[in-house]
Protein backbone atom coordinates (compact mmCIF):
# COMPACT_ATOMS: atom_id res chain seq x y z
CA UNK A 1 140.18 162.68 -11.53
CA UNK A 2 139.89 161.35 -15.09
CA UNK A 3 137.13 163.88 -15.88
CA UNK A 4 139.26 166.66 -14.43
CA UNK A 5 142.20 165.72 -16.68
CA UNK A 6 139.91 165.57 -19.74
CA UNK A 7 138.44 168.94 -18.86
CA UNK A 8 141.92 170.38 -18.47
CA UNK A 9 142.97 169.12 -21.89
CA UNK A 10 139.75 170.51 -23.36
CA UNK A 11 140.46 173.94 -21.88
CA UNK A 12 144.03 173.86 -23.19
CA UNK A 13 142.79 172.94 -26.68
CA UNK A 14 140.19 175.70 -26.66
CA UNK A 15 142.76 178.21 -25.42
CA UNK A 16 145.22 177.19 -28.12
CA UNK A 17 142.53 177.51 -30.80
CA UNK A 18 141.62 180.98 -29.55
CA UNK A 19 145.28 182.06 -29.68
CA UNK A 20 145.65 180.67 -33.21
CA UNK A 21 142.59 182.60 -34.36
CA UNK A 22 143.84 185.76 -32.71
CA UNK A 23 147.17 185.47 -34.50
CA UNK A 24 145.65 185.50 -38.01
CA UNK A 25 147.10 188.69 -39.50
CA UNK A 26 144.76 191.38 -40.80
CA UNK A 27 146.04 193.05 -43.94
CA UNK A 28 144.65 196.43 -44.98
CA UNK A 29 144.72 197.13 -48.71
CA UNK A 30 144.05 200.69 -49.87
CA UNK A 31 142.78 201.48 -53.36
CA UNK A 32 141.76 204.61 -55.26
CA UNK A 33 139.94 205.39 -58.53
CA UNK A 34 141.62 203.94 -61.60
CA UNK A 35 140.52 201.46 -64.27
CA UNK A 36 142.85 198.74 -63.05
CA UNK A 37 142.37 199.23 -59.32
CA UNK A 38 138.57 198.85 -59.01
CA UNK A 39 139.22 195.10 -59.10
CA UNK A 40 140.06 195.05 -55.39
CA UNK A 41 136.65 196.34 -54.32
CA UNK A 42 134.98 194.08 -56.89
CA UNK A 43 136.85 191.08 -55.45
CA UNK A 44 135.54 191.92 -51.98
CA UNK A 45 131.94 192.22 -53.23
CA UNK A 46 132.12 188.97 -55.18
CA UNK A 47 133.55 186.87 -52.33
CA UNK A 48 136.93 186.38 -54.04
CA UNK A 49 138.74 188.06 -51.15
CA UNK A 50 137.02 185.75 -48.66
CA UNK A 51 138.01 182.70 -50.71
CA UNK A 52 141.70 183.63 -50.63
CA UNK A 53 141.55 184.63 -46.97
CA UNK A 54 140.47 181.10 -46.13
CA UNK A 55 142.95 179.51 -48.53
CA UNK A 56 145.94 181.43 -47.17
CA UNK A 57 144.93 181.89 -43.53
CA UNK A 58 144.80 185.67 -43.47
CA UNK A 59 142.26 188.43 -42.97
CA UNK A 60 142.12 191.09 -45.70
CA UNK A 61 140.41 194.45 -45.32
CA UNK A 62 139.87 196.32 -48.61
CA UNK A 63 139.74 200.08 -47.97
CA UNK A 64 138.89 202.86 -50.42
CA UNK A 65 141.00 206.01 -49.97
CA UNK A 66 139.55 209.46 -50.55
CA UNK A 67 142.14 210.15 -53.27
CA UNK A 68 145.29 208.67 -54.77
CA UNK A 69 147.52 210.96 -52.71
CA UNK A 70 145.60 210.04 -49.57
CA UNK A 71 146.23 206.34 -50.26
CA UNK A 72 149.97 207.03 -50.61
CA UNK A 73 150.02 208.91 -47.31
CA UNK A 74 148.18 206.09 -45.56
CA UNK A 75 150.71 203.57 -46.89
CA UNK A 76 153.72 205.76 -46.17
CA UNK A 77 152.54 206.26 -42.57
CA UNK A 78 151.76 202.60 -41.93
CA UNK A 79 147.98 203.02 -41.72
CA UNK A 80 147.52 200.42 -44.46
CA UNK A 81 149.71 197.46 -45.41
CA UNK A 82 149.33 197.52 -49.18
CA UNK A 83 148.31 200.10 -51.74
CA UNK A 84 147.45 200.44 -55.42
CA UNK A 85 150.29 202.53 -56.76
CA UNK A 86 152.46 203.45 -59.72
CA UNK A 87 156.11 202.49 -60.11
CA UNK A 88 157.42 206.04 -59.64
CA UNK A 89 155.42 206.65 -56.48
CA UNK A 90 156.50 203.26 -55.12
CA UNK A 91 160.12 204.41 -55.50
CA UNK A 92 159.31 207.70 -53.76
CA UNK A 93 157.69 205.87 -50.83
CA UNK A 94 160.64 203.48 -50.69
CA UNK A 95 162.95 206.34 -49.74
CA UNK A 96 161.31 206.17 -46.29
CA UNK A 97 160.31 202.48 -45.91
CA UNK A 98 161.04 199.10 -47.48
CA UNK A 99 158.51 198.16 -50.14
CA UNK A 100 157.76 195.10 -52.28
CA UNK A 101 155.97 195.46 -55.65
CA UNK A 102 154.62 191.93 -56.32
CA UNK A 103 151.95 192.80 -58.90
CA UNK A 104 152.45 194.79 -62.10
CA UNK A 105 148.89 194.95 -63.37
CA UNK A 106 149.26 197.20 -66.40
CA UNK A 107 150.95 200.21 -67.83
CA UNK A 108 149.07 203.34 -68.78
CA UNK A 109 148.76 203.58 -72.54
CA UNK A 110 146.75 206.79 -72.80
CA UNK A 111 144.85 206.77 -69.49
CA UNK A 112 146.97 209.63 -68.12
CA UNK A 113 146.55 212.89 -70.01
CA UNK A 114 147.65 216.53 -69.92
CA UNK A 115 144.87 218.72 -71.35
CA UNK A 116 143.72 222.32 -71.63
CA UNK A 117 141.09 224.71 -72.92
CA UNK A 118 143.56 227.61 -72.69
CA UNK A 119 146.00 226.41 -75.33
CA UNK A 120 146.23 223.74 -78.00
CA UNK A 121 149.87 222.65 -77.66
CA UNK A 122 152.31 222.30 -74.79
CA UNK A 123 154.56 224.88 -76.42
CA UNK A 124 151.71 227.37 -76.47
CA UNK A 125 150.88 226.60 -72.82
CA UNK A 126 154.49 227.25 -71.82
CA UNK A 127 154.60 230.49 -73.82
CA UNK A 128 151.36 231.69 -72.18
CA UNK A 129 152.68 230.70 -68.74
CA UNK A 130 149.51 228.75 -67.93
CA UNK A 131 149.35 226.88 -64.64
CA UNK A 132 148.50 223.19 -64.65
CA UNK A 133 146.26 221.68 -61.99
CA UNK A 134 147.43 218.28 -60.74
CA UNK A 135 148.64 216.33 -57.74
CA UNK A 136 152.18 217.56 -57.20
CA UNK A 137 155.00 215.04 -56.83
CA UNK A 138 152.96 212.00 -57.83
CA UNK A 139 151.97 210.23 -61.03
CA UNK A 140 150.45 213.27 -62.83
CA UNK A 141 153.61 215.20 -62.07
CA UNK A 142 155.53 212.25 -63.50
CA UNK A 143 153.58 212.42 -66.77
CA UNK A 144 153.97 216.18 -67.15
CA UNK A 145 157.70 215.81 -66.47
CA UNK A 146 157.99 213.44 -69.45
CA UNK A 147 155.75 215.54 -71.70
CA UNK A 148 157.68 218.74 -71.04
CA UNK A 149 160.98 216.91 -71.29
CA UNK A 150 160.09 215.98 -74.85
CA UNK A 151 160.04 219.69 -75.74
CA UNK A 152 163.12 220.44 -73.59
CA UNK A 153 161.23 222.34 -70.88
CA UNK A 154 161.98 221.96 -67.17
CA UNK A 155 158.79 221.06 -65.29
CA UNK A 156 159.74 223.39 -62.42
CA UNK A 157 159.65 226.35 -64.80
CA UNK A 158 155.94 225.71 -65.41
CA UNK A 159 153.30 226.91 -62.95
CA UNK A 160 151.36 224.34 -60.95
CA UNK A 161 148.24 224.42 -58.79
CA UNK A 162 147.87 221.57 -56.31
CA UNK A 163 144.59 219.77 -56.94
CA UNK A 164 143.14 216.33 -56.27
CA UNK A 165 141.53 214.39 -59.12
CA UNK A 166 137.94 215.47 -58.45
CA UNK A 167 138.98 219.11 -57.94
CA UNK A 168 140.53 219.15 -61.40
CA UNK A 169 137.20 218.17 -62.94
CA UNK A 170 135.43 220.96 -61.03
CA UNK A 171 137.93 223.51 -62.36
CA UNK A 172 136.59 222.97 -65.89
CA UNK A 173 132.88 223.25 -65.13
CA UNK A 174 130.90 225.70 -67.22
CA UNK A 175 133.03 228.02 -69.31
CA UNK A 176 135.99 228.06 -66.93
CA UNK A 177 139.45 228.22 -68.48
CA UNK A 178 142.04 225.85 -67.07
CA UNK A 179 144.74 223.25 -67.76
CA UNK A 180 145.22 219.99 -65.94
CA UNK A 181 146.82 216.58 -65.70
CA UNK A 182 144.99 213.52 -64.45
CA UNK A 183 143.85 210.07 -65.54
CA UNK A 184 140.70 208.31 -66.66
CA UNK A 185 137.90 208.22 -65.59
CA UNK A 186 138.47 211.84 -64.50
CA UNK A 187 139.78 212.81 -67.94
CA UNK A 188 136.50 211.64 -69.49
CA UNK A 189 134.55 213.92 -67.16
CA UNK A 190 136.27 217.04 -68.53
CA UNK A 191 134.60 218.35 -71.70
CA UNK A 192 135.73 220.60 -74.55
CA UNK A 193 139.47 220.39 -73.92
CA UNK A 194 142.47 219.62 -76.10
CA UNK A 195 144.68 216.68 -75.25
CA UNK A 196 148.25 217.99 -75.14
CA UNK A 197 150.14 214.84 -74.23
CA UNK A 198 149.34 211.37 -72.88
CA UNK A 199 151.00 208.30 -71.46
CA UNK A 200 150.53 206.62 -74.85
CA UNK A 201 153.64 208.56 -75.92
CA UNK A 202 155.71 206.78 -73.23
CA UNK A 203 154.90 203.04 -73.28
CA UNK A 204 155.84 201.28 -70.06
CA UNK A 205 156.63 204.54 -68.26
CA UNK A 206 153.68 204.62 -65.84
CA UNK A 207 153.18 201.14 -64.42
CA UNK A 208 150.19 200.47 -62.19
CA UNK A 209 150.17 197.71 -59.63
CA UNK A 210 150.23 196.88 -55.95
CA UNK A 211 152.93 197.65 -53.39
CA UNK A 212 153.10 196.01 -49.97
CA UNK A 213 155.05 196.65 -46.82
CA UNK A 214 158.20 194.51 -46.94
CA UNK A 215 157.29 193.06 -43.54
CA UNK A 216 154.12 191.47 -44.89
CA UNK A 217 154.05 187.66 -44.42
CA UNK A 218 154.46 185.53 -47.53
CA UNK A 219 151.02 183.90 -47.21
CA UNK A 220 149.39 187.34 -47.17
CA UNK A 221 151.24 188.46 -50.30
CA UNK A 222 150.30 185.22 -52.03
CA UNK A 223 146.66 185.79 -51.09
CA UNK A 224 146.77 189.22 -52.73
CA UNK A 225 148.45 187.79 -55.83
CA UNK A 226 145.81 185.06 -55.98
CA UNK A 227 142.95 187.55 -55.70
CA UNK A 228 144.40 189.71 -58.44
CA UNK A 229 144.96 187.01 -61.03
CA UNK A 230 141.61 185.35 -60.36
CA UNK A 231 139.82 188.63 -61.08
CA UNK A 232 141.74 189.64 -64.21
CA UNK A 233 141.44 186.12 -65.65
CA UNK A 234 137.65 186.62 -65.69
CA UNK A 235 137.69 190.02 -67.41
CA UNK A 236 136.86 188.74 -70.89
CA UNK A 237 133.21 188.67 -69.85
CA UNK A 238 130.91 191.69 -70.24
CA UNK A 239 128.98 190.86 -67.09
CA UNK A 240 132.19 190.87 -65.06
CA UNK A 241 133.21 194.17 -66.66
CA UNK A 242 129.78 195.61 -65.90
CA UNK A 243 130.13 194.60 -62.26
CA UNK A 244 133.63 196.10 -62.03
CA UNK A 245 132.37 199.31 -63.67
CA UNK A 246 129.65 199.45 -61.01
CA UNK A 247 132.31 200.00 -58.34
CA UNK A 248 132.76 203.67 -59.38
CA UNK A 249 129.13 203.82 -60.64
CA UNK A 250 130.38 203.85 -64.21
CA UNK A 251 128.89 202.40 -67.40
CA UNK A 252 130.19 199.42 -69.33
CA UNK A 253 130.97 201.59 -72.38
CA UNK A 254 132.91 204.10 -70.29
CA UNK A 255 134.85 201.33 -68.59
CA UNK A 256 135.68 199.70 -71.91
CA UNK A 257 137.02 203.05 -73.09
CA UNK A 258 139.34 203.15 -70.09
CA UNK A 259 140.49 199.60 -70.77
CA UNK A 260 141.25 200.54 -74.39
CA UNK A 261 144.03 202.83 -73.13
CA UNK A 262 145.30 200.33 -70.57
CA UNK A 263 148.06 197.90 -71.59
CA UNK A 264 146.98 194.93 -69.51
CA UNK A 265 149.38 192.38 -68.03
CA UNK A 266 146.68 189.87 -67.11
CA UNK A 267 148.80 186.79 -67.67
CA UNK A 268 151.21 186.40 -64.74
CA UNK A 269 153.91 185.18 -67.11
CA UNK A 270 153.62 188.44 -69.06
CA UNK A 271 153.83 190.49 -65.85
CA UNK A 272 156.91 188.57 -64.72
CA UNK A 273 158.58 189.06 -68.11
CA UNK A 274 157.71 192.77 -68.12
CA UNK A 275 159.19 193.43 -64.66
CA UNK A 276 162.39 191.66 -65.73
CA UNK A 277 162.67 193.35 -69.12
CA UNK A 278 165.57 195.57 -70.14
CA UNK A 279 163.07 198.19 -71.32
CA UNK A 280 161.45 198.50 -67.90
CA UNK A 281 164.76 198.59 -66.04
CA UNK A 282 166.14 201.22 -68.42
CA UNK A 283 162.95 203.24 -68.01
CA UNK A 284 163.27 203.12 -64.22
CA UNK A 285 166.97 204.00 -64.22
CA UNK A 286 166.43 206.79 -66.74
CA UNK A 287 163.29 208.90 -66.99
CA UNK A 288 161.66 207.74 -63.71
CA UNK A 289 164.90 208.27 -61.79
CA UNK A 290 165.25 211.76 -63.26
CA UNK A 291 161.64 212.58 -62.39
CA UNK A 292 162.28 211.76 -58.72
CA UNK A 293 165.01 214.41 -58.62
CA UNK A 294 162.60 216.94 -60.13
CA UNK A 295 160.23 216.43 -57.17
CA UNK A 296 162.83 217.80 -54.79
CA UNK A 297 164.30 214.51 -53.64
CA UNK A 298 168.10 214.59 -53.62
CA UNK A 299 170.74 212.03 -54.48
CA UNK A 300 171.04 211.27 -50.77
CA UNK A 301 167.30 210.44 -50.77
CA UNK A 302 167.09 208.47 -54.02
CA UNK A 303 170.47 206.84 -54.52
CA UNK A 304 170.99 205.84 -50.90
CA UNK A 305 168.54 203.01 -51.60
CA UNK A 306 168.54 200.23 -54.15
CA UNK A 307 165.78 199.13 -56.51
CA UNK A 308 165.86 195.43 -57.33
CA UNK A 309 164.26 193.64 -60.28
CA UNK A 310 163.26 189.97 -60.73
CA UNK A 311 166.34 189.18 -62.86
CA UNK A 312 168.62 190.29 -60.02
CA UNK A 313 169.53 193.71 -61.47
CA UNK A 314 169.85 196.45 -58.85
CA UNK A 315 169.96 200.16 -59.59
CA UNK A 316 171.19 202.42 -56.84
CA UNK A 317 172.65 201.06 -53.61
CA UNK A 318 172.79 197.26 -53.76
CA UNK A 319 173.57 197.17 -50.02
CA UNK A 320 170.34 198.92 -49.11
CA UNK A 321 167.57 197.58 -51.35
CA UNK A 322 164.35 199.32 -50.35
CA UNK A 323 162.12 198.70 -53.38
CA UNK A 324 161.84 195.22 -54.83
CA UNK A 325 159.91 194.43 -57.99
CA UNK A 326 159.33 190.85 -56.89
CA UNK A 327 157.84 188.30 -59.27
CA UNK A 328 158.75 185.33 -57.06
CA UNK A 329 155.31 185.17 -55.43
CA UNK A 330 153.51 184.90 -58.75
CA UNK A 331 156.12 182.41 -60.00
CA UNK A 332 155.71 180.20 -56.92
CA UNK A 333 151.95 180.24 -57.32
CA UNK A 334 152.27 179.35 -60.99
CA UNK A 335 154.55 176.45 -60.03
CA UNK A 336 152.11 175.33 -57.34
CA UNK A 337 149.14 175.55 -59.71
CA UNK A 338 147.41 178.19 -57.60
CA UNK A 339 147.17 180.66 -60.48
CA UNK A 340 147.27 180.29 -64.26
């Protein structure tokens, strides 16, 4: 009888352990080609993801998307739980689902470029009625909106050809004439073109980071924050940079060039301060907000939701916050000594 009772308790313990293991959430993180998004694949290769999985009790699957737009579609449709994304596209996605933006990794400071071998200025391109190749209604559209706005031209009056990043590069092969908008490293693959406008003209406008589904558990978000800041803290080492550059099969020199036009927010305190800054909030409520309307979204789409910032400011509908720039996870981890 005693052995039977012991065996019963053993079975119960084993069953409980099996249930606990089965309940560990699996988080899918999608990334696409950009200088400050390769880090996620690098972290997987180097065992950093595994370390934070064990520390936070989660399972993390790092998935490369076929293109930036594809990654947004996967996130929008719930096929992945987190995605590398820009601030403007995070707002666009948030019109259909609740999103948290816990990591602001950098802002583009020349990585995103409008270029051409058909004309040498934007004014000339507009006069010639050239068509720009880019991903419509996403970050390249957002840059061109700002560039054209500076010369008082409505982006919808300029011709566009839908094209993914790699297709834009192909459009310039040989002696082909074309105009395009994309970001590094793709910009560097296009030869003999004139740069017409870049994100360096609009500091803090295009912010690159990570967005997660608002239903994601806190321990999972903290694991992602931990992974991120562990990687970027090590990026003052050429061997680390070489290994990150190897993710897209790039060279160290090429990767350093991309970093030179990336305003990095590697210190979590700097990222927290940036997300709370008046400049960022004004940028979001001004030019980024106006860009969303240019994509075809209406006031009922955009202003029905609220966008909340770490200092408590809300733009839009404060009763329906759908996008939260949330620095609380990084702050908690700083306070707990989990990141530096």
